[in-house]
Amino acid sequence: MTQKTVYMCFSTDVIHGGHTSIIQKAAQLGELTIGMLTDEVVANYRRFPVLKYGERVKLLESIKGVSKVIPQETLSYAENLRTLKPDYVVHGDNWVTGFQRPIRDEVEQVLLEYGGELIEYPYTENEDYDKLERSQREQLSIPDIRRGRLKRLLETKPIVSVLEAHSGITGLIAEKSTVLKDGKSYQFDAMWSSSLCDSTAKGKPDIELLDMSKRFQLIDEIMDVTTKPIIVDGDTGGLTEHFVYNIRTLERMGASAMIIEDKTGLKKNSLFGTEVEQTQDSVENFCAKISAGRAALKTNDFFLIARIESLILEKGMVDALTRAFAYVEAGANGIMIHSRKKDPAEIFEFCEKFREKDNSTPLVVVPTSFNTVTEEEFASHGVNIVIYANQLTRSGFPAMQKVAETILTNRRAKEADDMCMSIKEILTLIPEDY
């Protein structure tokens, strides 16, 4: 008799008794192939894996009953199932409801195409297994591990998606928001600590009035309840003598990157452009600041990214590119190019001309004005990091203002209820083990 074939999918970098039990059951049905989700898929689906893909493959290959392990490059099983046509697909019954239900439905449809069968076993509920998973998640928040994750993300993904966070609760929103679309799961990869949003949350103007010690406190509050990498908006970096201490502190805290802009004097928001007086630093001075910052760092995991204001100040493409190459030569690990135009043409032009000479230095954009461009389009032009720099702040204040006005108008809170998330839903964002 021809041996039956079996397919399972795994993402875990923690193997416990529940996993080995279901693997043994699956192996009794026939020759077992396991589809291992790639690092990129796992990062978008659950959390960034502590172990890299190759190490996770070796874990599964070492378990008795596993015939082979192959990559599964999306949450969708469809491609692998149509290629392998296994007699059975095995899974726990925990995907009958919830986030994975659409994936299960698709598996059933594909199995119907050729007569395969879905076999589900009761999901293993065990407090010790839950503690093990939490311990892995906690490892991701350790400064030395968190700091290097941005570097791993850039090596793993074509584009890194970053959302602004200015408090513990907005950090949890950035950490936990997940969307399933077309068989793929999407999450934000990292968080952006914005001086604009931090100042606004404190009711202060965005003129570098909030000193770095206050910023460090806010960043620490976010880090305390999240695990994802943090990129910090360093404005101009301030005096070089202060900057070298601040960047070293951020590195020690576990932040992954700091972005500083090549302007001088009292800070004015870039989106004002030439409407207000803004002064750009000289190439020589800013390169010296970059070099001093790089020399202050203790590890190779921390990114110092130079933000170029030439397009904002209408100094032209040549000036922007000249500065970019000089800043990289001075030690910048990445270049952020900014524009206040809605048309992304000059951003694309910069990226393409930069990539003609430099194909490795990460490029960063903040599409506040040119917000019609998708992440896939940015990636096709050589962009590596997209930062959504202020959307949570900008959406939160109008909503709160509307609720306040509704309560005043009606002299009671009932009419505002439909605008509000329930306290129970809010509390589900907060880790139970915190």
Protein backbone atom coordinates (compact mmCIF):
# COMPACT_ATOMS: atom_id res chain seq x y z
CA MET A 1 0.00 0.00 0.00
CA THR A 2 1.19 3.55 -0.77
CA GLN A 3 1.93 5.44 2.42
CA LYS A 4 -0.37 8.38 3.14
CA THR A 5 1.11 11.88 3.32
CA VAL A 6 0.51 14.44 6.04
CA TYR A 7 1.10 18.19 6.24
CA MET A 8 1.38 20.49 9.24
CA CYS A 9 2.43 24.12 9.66
CA PHE A 10 4.61 25.45 12.48
CA SER A 11 5.95 28.84 13.48
CA THR A 12 7.20 28.25 17.00
CA ASP A 13 10.72 28.59 18.33
CA VAL A 14 9.61 26.95 21.58
CA ILE A 15 8.92 23.20 21.46
CA HIS A 16 6.85 21.79 24.32
CA GLY A 17 4.84 18.66 25.06
CA GLY A 18 1.77 19.91 23.22
CA HIS A 19 3.75 20.23 20.01
CA THR A 20 5.44 16.83 20.27
CA SER A 21 2.11 15.17 21.09
CA ILE A 22 0.34 16.45 17.97
CA ILE A 23 3.42 15.69 15.82
CA GLN A 24 3.36 12.09 17.01
CA LYS A 25 -0.34 11.80 16.20
CA ALA A 26 0.24 13.28 12.75
CA ALA A 27 3.19 10.94 12.07
CA GLN A 28 1.00 7.91 12.81
CA LEU A 29 -1.22 8.93 9.88
CA GLY A 30 1.60 8.83 7.33
CA GLU A 31 4.76 10.54 6.08
CA LEU A 32 4.83 13.93 7.80
CA THR A 33 5.99 17.12 6.11
CA ILE A 34 6.08 20.32 8.18
CA GLY A 35 5.80 23.74 6.60
CA MET A 36 7.87 26.17 8.67
CA LEU A 37 6.74 29.78 8.50
CA THR A 38 9.58 32.08 7.48
CA ASP A 39 10.90 34.77 9.82
CA GLU A 40 9.07 37.49 7.88
CA VAL A 41 5.72 35.70 8.15
CA VAL A 42 6.15 34.97 11.86
CA ALA A 43 7.11 38.58 12.57
CA ASN A 44 3.92 39.76 10.87
CA TYR A 45 1.74 37.09 12.45
CA ARG A 46 2.73 36.81 16.11
CA ARG A 47 6.04 38.17 17.36
CA PHE A 48 9.52 38.31 15.96
CA PRO A 49 11.06 34.84 16.42
CA VAL A 50 13.84 34.53 18.98
CA LEU A 51 15.40 31.80 16.82
CA LYS A 52 16.05 32.35 13.12
CA TYR A 53 14.33 30.24 10.47
CA GLY A 54 17.24 27.80 9.99
CA GLU A 55 17.48 27.11 13.73
CA ARG A 56 13.72 26.53 13.96
CA VAL A 57 13.94 24.08 11.06
CA LYS A 58 16.64 22.10 12.88
CA LEU A 59 14.43 21.91 15.98
CA LEU A 60 11.59 20.31 14.03
CA GLU A 61 13.87 18.02 12.00
CA SER A 62 15.23 16.56 15.25
CA ILE A 63 11.79 15.33 16.36
CA LYS A 64 10.98 11.69 15.70
CA GLY A 65 8.28 11.27 13.08
CA VAL A 66 9.11 14.39 11.05
CA SER A 67 10.06 13.35 7.52
CA LYS A 68 11.07 16.79 6.21
CA VAL A 69 10.65 20.50 6.84
CA ILE A 70 9.97 22.98 4.03
CA PRO A 71 9.37 26.74 4.02
CA GLN A 72 5.84 28.15 4.10
CA GLU A 73 6.15 31.74 2.90
CA THR A 74 2.64 32.97 3.76
CA LEU A 75 0.03 32.24 6.39
CA SER A 76 -1.97 30.73 3.56
CA TYR A 77 -1.39 26.98 3.10
CA ALA A 78 -2.71 27.06 -0.45
CA GLU A 79 0.54 27.07 -2.44
CA ASN A 80 2.16 24.25 -0.47
CA LEU A 81 -1.03 22.17 -0.42
CA ARG A 82 -1.52 22.42 -4.18
CA THR A 83 2.12 21.45 -4.71
CA LEU A 84 2.25 18.54 -2.25
CA LYS A 85 -1.39 17.41 -2.31
CA PRO A 86 -1.14 15.72 1.12
CA ASP A 87 -3.80 13.21 2.10
CA TYR A 88 -4.19 14.89 5.48
CA VAL A 89 -3.67 18.31 6.98
CA VAL A 90 -3.33 18.22 10.78
CA HIS A 91 -3.97 21.15 13.13
CA GLY A 92 -5.22 21.85 16.64
CA ASP A 93 -8.85 22.90 16.96
CA ASN A 94 -7.86 26.36 18.23
CA TRP A 95 -8.29 27.83 14.75
CA VAL A 96 -11.99 26.95 14.44
CA THR A 97 -12.75 30.45 15.74
CA GLY A 98 -10.77 33.65 15.94
CA PHE A 99 -8.06 35.24 13.83
CA GLN A 100 -7.04 32.05 11.99
CA ARG A 101 -10.55 31.03 10.93
CA PRO A 102 -10.19 32.40 7.35
CA ILE A 103 -6.96 30.39 6.96
CA ARG A 104 -8.79 27.24 8.07
CA ASP A 105 -11.64 27.92 5.65
CA GLU A 106 -9.17 28.23 2.77
CA VAL A 107 -7.46 24.96 3.76
CA GLU A 108 -10.82 23.16 3.61
CA GLN A 109 -11.52 24.60 0.14
CA VAL A 110 -8.13 23.54 -1.23
CA LEU A 111 -8.48 20.03 0.24
CA LEU A 112 -11.84 19.69 -1.54
CA GLU A 113 -10.09 20.33 -4.87
CA TYR A 114 -8.26 16.99 -4.74
CA GLY A 115 -9.97 15.01 -1.97
CA GLY A 116 -7.68 15.69 0.99
CA GLU A 117 -8.89 15.64 4.60
CA LEU A 118 -8.51 18.04 7.52
CA ILE A 119 -7.92 16.38 10.88
CA GLU A 120 -8.10 18.49 14.03
CA TYR A 121 -7.03 17.48 17.52
CA PRO A 122 -8.02 19.23 20.75
CA TYR A 123 -5.71 22.15 21.48
CA THR A 124 -3.50 21.56 24.50
CA GLU A 125 -4.31 24.01 27.29
CA ASN A 126 -1.48 24.09 29.80
CA GLU A 127 -0.44 26.96 32.08
CA ASP A 128 3.21 25.89 31.94
CA TYR A 129 3.18 26.15 28.13
CA ASP A 130 1.68 29.62 28.40
CA LYS A 131 4.44 30.63 30.82
CA LEU A 132 7.03 29.32 28.38
CA GLU A 133 5.59 31.42 25.58
CA ARG A 134 5.52 34.49 27.83
CA SER A 135 9.14 33.94 28.79
CA GLN A 136 10.11 33.95 25.10
CA ARG A 137 8.16 37.16 24.59
CA GLU A 138 9.88 38.72 27.61
CA GLN A 139 13.27 37.90 26.09
CA LEU A 140 12.41 40.15 23.16
CA SER A 141 12.14 43.12 25.53
CA ILE A 142 15.65 42.68 26.94
CA PRO A 143 17.66 45.73 25.76
CA ASP A 144 20.47 43.77 24.11
CA ILE A 145 17.98 41.63 22.19
CA ARG A 146 15.51 44.40 21.31
CA ARG A 147 18.26 46.73 20.06
CA GLY A 148 19.42 44.35 17.32
CA ARG A 149 15.97 43.52 16.01
CA LEU A 150 15.79 46.43 13.57
CA LYS A 151 18.97 45.16 11.95
CA ARG A 152 17.45 41.66 11.64
CA LEU A 153 14.22 43.08 10.24
CA LEU A 154 16.11 44.97 7.54
CA GLU A 155 17.89 41.73 6.63
CA THR A 156 14.61 39.78 6.57
CA LYS A 157 11.96 42.08 5.09
CA PRO A 158 11.79 44.21 1.94
CA ILE A 159 10.18 47.05 3.89
CA VAL A 160 9.97 47.80 7.63
CA SER A 161 6.71 49.43 8.76
CA VAL A 162 6.92 51.78 11.77
CA LEU A 163 4.09 53.44 13.74
CA GLU A 164 4.33 56.39 16.11
CA ALA A 165 3.83 55.72 19.82
CA HIS A 166 3.88 58.33 22.58
CA SER A 167 2.68 56.38 25.63
CA GLY A 168 2.44 52.87 27.00
CA ILE A 169 -1.07 52.37 25.60
CA THR A 170 -0.19 53.67 22.11
CA GLY A 171 2.87 51.42 22.25
CA LEU A 172 0.56 48.45 22.90
CA ILE A 173 -1.61 49.47 19.94
CA ALA A 174 1.48 49.54 17.72
CA GLU A 175 2.61 46.23 19.20
CA LYS A 176 -0.65 44.29 18.90
CA SER A 177 -2.51 45.64 15.85
CA THR A 178 -2.82 42.85 13.28
CA VAL A 179 -4.71 42.57 9.99
CA LEU A 180 -5.27 39.42 7.92
CA LYS A 181 -5.61 40.16 4.21
CA ASP A 182 -5.31 37.89 1.15
CA GLY A 183 -3.77 35.07 3.15
CA LYS A 184 -1.14 37.35 4.66
CA SER A 185 -0.86 38.84 8.13
CA TYR A 186 0.32 42.40 8.62
CA GLN A 187 1.72 44.06 11.76
CA PHE A 188 3.85 47.09 12.45
CA ASP A 189 7.48 46.08 12.81
CA ALA A 190 8.68 48.87 15.06
CA MET A 191 7.70 52.07 16.87
CA TRP A 192 8.63 55.70 16.32
CA SER A 193 9.21 57.97 19.31
CA SER A 194 8.39 61.40 17.90
CA SER A 195 9.43 64.66 19.55
CA LEU A 196 6.34 66.30 17.99
CA CYS A 197 3.97 63.72 19.47
CA ASP A 198 5.74 63.60 22.83
CA SER A 199 5.55 67.39 23.09
CA THR A 200 1.91 67.47 21.98
CA ALA A 201 0.94 64.82 24.54
CA LYS A 202 2.46 67.09 27.20
CA GLY A 203 0.68 70.18 25.82
CA LYS A 204 4.00 71.73 24.84
CA PRO A 205 5.09 73.35 21.54
CA ASP A 206 7.30 71.33 19.18
CA ILE A 207 10.46 73.40 19.64
CA GLU A 208 12.68 70.88 21.47
CA LEU A 209 11.22 72.25 24.73
CA LEU A 210 10.81 68.72 26.10
CA ASP A 211 14.33 67.83 27.21
CA MET A 212 15.84 64.43 26.48
CA SER A 213 15.50 63.23 30.09
CA LYS A 214 11.71 63.59 29.73
CA ARG A 215 11.86 61.85 26.36
CA PHE A 216 13.88 59.00 27.89
CA GLN A 217 11.17 58.56 30.53
CA LEU A 218 8.44 58.28 27.86
CA ILE A 219 10.51 55.83 25.84
CA ASP A 220 11.10 53.75 28.96
CA GLU A 221 7.33 53.65 29.62
CA ILE A 222 6.77 52.27 26.11
CA MET A 223 9.60 49.77 26.42
CA ASP A 224 8.22 48.55 29.73
CA VAL A 225 5.10 47.06 28.08
CA THR A 226 6.26 46.25 24.53
CA THR A 227 8.88 44.19 22.73
CA LYS A 228 9.26 45.77 19.28
CA PRO A 229 12.22 47.94 18.20
CA ILE A 230 12.06 51.68 18.79
CA ILE A 231 13.39 54.38 16.46
CA VAL A 232 13.86 57.73 18.21
CA ASP A 233 13.35 61.17 16.71
CA GLY A 234 16.39 63.12 17.94
CA ASP A 235 15.51 66.43 16.22
CA THR A 236 18.83 68.17 15.49
CA GLY A 237 20.67 66.16 18.14
CA GLY A 238 21.41 69.40 20.01
CA LEU A 239 24.94 70.31 20.99
CA THR A 240 27.42 67.65 19.92
CA GLU A 241 28.75 67.49 23.49
CA HIS A 242 25.23 66.55 24.70
CA PHE A 243 24.36 64.41 21.69
CA VAL A 244 27.11 61.84 22.30
CA TYR A 245 25.78 61.17 25.81
CA ASN A 246 22.15 60.99 24.67
CA ILE A 247 22.82 58.53 21.86
CA ARG A 248 24.82 56.32 24.21
CA THR A 249 21.93 56.36 26.72
CA LEU A 250 19.45 55.33 24.03
CA GLU A 251 21.73 52.49 22.97
CA ARG A 252 21.98 51.28 26.56
CA MET A 253 18.18 51.47 27.00
CA GLY A 254 17.71 49.16 24.03
CA ALA A 255 16.49 51.60 21.37
CA SER A 256 17.43 50.51 17.85
CA ALA A 257 18.03 53.81 16.08
CA MET A 258 18.13 57.58 16.38
CA ILE A 259 17.35 59.98 13.54
CA ILE A 260 18.84 63.47 13.60
CA GLU A 261 18.13 66.25 11.10
CA ASP A 262 20.64 68.61 9.51
CA LYS A 263 19.12 71.86 10.76
CA THR A 264 20.34 74.36 13.34
CA GLY A 265 18.76 76.86 15.69
CA LEU A 266 15.30 76.80 17.26
CA LYS A 267 13.38 73.85 15.85
CA LYS A 268 10.55 74.54 13.39
CA ASN A 269 8.47 71.67 12.01
CA SER A 270 9.66 70.64 8.55
CA LEU A 271 6.16 70.75 7.06
CA PHE A 272 6.29 74.57 7.33
CA GLY A 273 9.16 74.45 4.81
CA THR A 274 10.25 77.92 3.69
CA GLU A 275 7.16 79.57 5.24
CA VAL A 276 9.20 80.05 8.42
CA GLU A 277 12.89 80.77 8.84
CA GLN A 278 14.86 77.52 9.02
CA THR A 279 18.62 77.11 8.80
CA GLN A 280 20.37 74.03 7.48
CA ASP A 281 23.65 72.99 9.04
CA SER A 282 26.79 72.88 6.93
CA VAL A 283 27.85 69.53 5.55
CA GLU A 284 31.11 69.72 7.51
CA ASN A 285 29.45 70.45 10.86
CA PHE A 286 26.78 67.79 10.49
CA CYS A 287 29.31 65.17 9.36
CA ALA A 288 31.35 65.97 12.47
CA LYS A 289 28.27 65.41 14.64
CA ILE A 290 27.58 62.06 12.91
CA SER A 291 31.18 60.96 13.39
CA ALA A 292 31.08 61.91 17.08
CA GLY A 293 27.84 59.98 17.54
CA ARG A 294 29.20 56.87 15.86
CA ALA A 295 32.35 57.00 17.99
CA ALA A 296 30.23 57.15 21.17
CA LEU A 297 28.34 53.92 20.41
CA LYS A 298 29.39 50.65 21.98
CA THR A 299 27.69 48.14 19.64
CA ASN A 300 27.16 47.57 15.92
CA ASP A 301 23.40 47.06 16.38
CA PHE A 302 22.42 50.71 16.89
CA PHE A 303 21.57 52.77 13.79
CA LEU A 304 22.40 56.47 13.55
CA ILE A 305 20.28 57.82 10.69
CA ALA A 306 20.79 61.23 9.07
CA ARG A 307 17.72 63.18 8.01
CA ILE A 308 18.19 65.51 5.06
CA GLU A 309 16.13 68.73 4.86
CA SER A 310 17.34 69.94 1.45
CA LEU A 311 14.06 69.17 -0.37
CA ILE A 312 12.02 70.72 2.44
CA LEU A 313 14.07 73.93 2.19
CA GLU A 314 13.96 73.83 -1.65
CA LYS A 315 17.73 73.59 -2.04
CA GLY A 316 17.47 71.04 -4.82
CA MET A 317 18.26 67.43 -5.61
CA VAL A 318 22.01 67.92 -6.06
CA ASP A 319 22.36 69.37 -2.57
CA ALA A 320 20.29 66.51 -1.07
CA LEU A 321 22.37 63.82 -2.78
CA THR A 322 25.68 65.51 -1.98
CA ARG A 323 24.72 65.58 1.67
CA ALA A 324 23.49 61.98 1.63
CA PHE A 325 26.75 60.55 0.33
CA ALA A 326 28.78 62.76 2.69
CA TYR A 327 26.72 61.66 5.71
CA VAL A 328 27.14 57.99 4.84
CA GLU A 329 30.87 58.54 4.49
CA ALA A 330 30.88 60.19 7.93
CA GLY A 331 29.31 57.10 9.49
CA ALA A 332 25.52 57.39 9.13
CA ASN A 333 23.87 53.94 9.06
CA GLY A 334 20.87 55.21 7.13
CA ILE A 335 19.45 58.21 5.29
CA MET A 336 16.01 59.74 5.80
CA ILE A 337 14.81 61.90 2.94
CA HIS A 338 11.87 64.21 3.60
CA SER A 339 9.47 66.27 1.50
CA ARG A 340 6.32 68.26 2.16
CA LYS A 341 4.95 67.81 -1.36
CA LYS A 342 1.96 65.56 -1.96
CA ASP A 343 3.50 64.37 -5.22
CA PRO A 344 6.17 61.76 -4.35
CA ALA A 345 8.14 62.38 -7.57
CA GLU A 346 11.10 64.11 -5.91
CA ILE A 347 11.29 61.41 -3.22
CA PHE A 348 11.37 58.71 -5.89
CA GLU A 349 13.97 60.65 -7.88
CA PHE A 350 16.21 60.96 -4.82
CA CYS A 351 15.90 57.27 -3.97
CA GLU A 352 16.67 56.13 -7.51
CA LYS A 353 19.71 58.41 -7.87
CA PHE A 354 20.98 57.46 -4.43
CA ARG A 355 20.64 53.76 -5.27
CA GLU A 356 22.71 54.23 -8.45
CA LYS A 357 25.75 54.75 -6.20
CA ASP A 358 24.74 53.13 -2.91
CA ASN A 359 22.74 49.92 -2.93
CA SER A 360 23.06 48.99 0.74
CA THR A 361 22.52 51.96 3.07
CA PRO A 362 18.91 51.89 4.36
CA LEU A 363 16.61 54.64 3.11
CA VAL A 364 13.84 56.00 5.34
CA VAL A 365 10.73 57.99 4.41
CA VAL A 366 7.96 59.62 6.46
CA PRO A 367 4.96 59.86 4.09
CA THR A 368 2.90 62.43 5.99
CA SER A 369 2.34 64.56 2.87
CA PHE A 370 2.86 61.99 0.08
CA ASN A 371 0.53 59.53 1.81
CA THR A 372 -1.00 57.89 -1.28
CA VAL A 373 2.10 55.75 -1.86
CA THR A 374 1.91 52.13 -0.69
CA GLU A 375 4.73 50.36 1.11
CA GLU A 376 5.18 48.07 -1.91
CA GLU A 377 5.71 51.13 -4.14
CA PHE A 378 8.27 52.54 -1.72
CA ALA A 379 10.12 49.22 -1.68
CA SER A 380 10.24 49.17 -5.47
CA HIS A 381 12.07 52.52 -5.37
CA GLY A 382 14.66 51.29 -2.88
CA VAL A 383 13.08 52.47 0.38
CA ASN A 384 13.68 50.23 3.42
CA ILE A 385 11.79 51.89 6.28
CA VAL A 386 8.41 53.68 6.24
CA ILE A 387 7.52 55.68 9.35
CA TYR A 388 3.91 56.69 10.08
CA ALA A 389 5.07 59.50 12.31
CA ASN A 390 2.01 61.10 13.90
CA GLN A 391 -1.20 59.32 12.90
CA LEU A 392 -2.13 58.04 16.38
CA THR A 393 -1.72 61.52 17.83
CA ARG A 394 -3.65 63.17 15.01
CA SER A 395 -6.51 60.68 15.21
CA GLY A 396 -6.71 60.62 18.99
CA PHE A 397 -7.20 64.32 19.66
CA PRO A 398 -10.18 64.91 17.32
CA ALA A 399 -11.91 61.83 18.75
CA MET A 400 -11.43 62.97 22.34
CA GLN A 401 -12.53 66.50 21.48
CA LYS A 402 -15.72 65.20 19.84
CA VAL A 403 -16.56 63.06 22.89
CA ALA A 404 -16.03 66.04 25.21
CA GLU A 405 -18.31 68.25 23.09
CA THR A 406 -20.98 65.51 22.92
CA ILE A 407 -21.06 65.21 26.72
CA LEU A 408 -21.32 68.99 27.09
CA THR A 409 -24.10 69.20 24.51
CA ASN A 410 -26.25 66.45 26.04
CA ARG A 411 -25.27 67.01 29.67
CA ARG A 412 -24.74 63.25 30.02
CA ALA A 413 -22.43 60.52 28.68
CA LYS A 414 -24.90 58.15 26.96
CA GLU A 415 -24.61 59.73 23.49
CA ALA A 416 -20.82 59.42 23.63
CA ASP A 417 -20.84 55.67 24.31
CA ASP A 418 -20.87 54.68 20.63
CA MET A 419 -17.71 56.71 20.12
CA CYS A 420 -15.88 54.93 22.91
CA MET A 421 -14.16 51.57 23.24
CA SER A 422 -15.32 49.64 26.27
CA ILE A 423 -13.04 49.56 29.31
CA LYS A 424 -12.97 45.75 28.99
CA GLU A 425 -11.60 46.01 25.43
CA ILE A 426 -8.97 48.50 26.53
CA LEU A 427 -7.87 46.25 29.36
CA THR A 428 -7.34 43.35 26.93
CA LEU A 429 -4.51 45.37 25.39
CA ILE A 430 -2.63 45.36 28.67
CA PRO A 431 -0.55 42.21 29.31
CA GLU A 432 -2.01 40.11 32.13
CA ASP A 433 1.45 39.29 33.42
CA TYR A 434 2.48 42.93 33.65
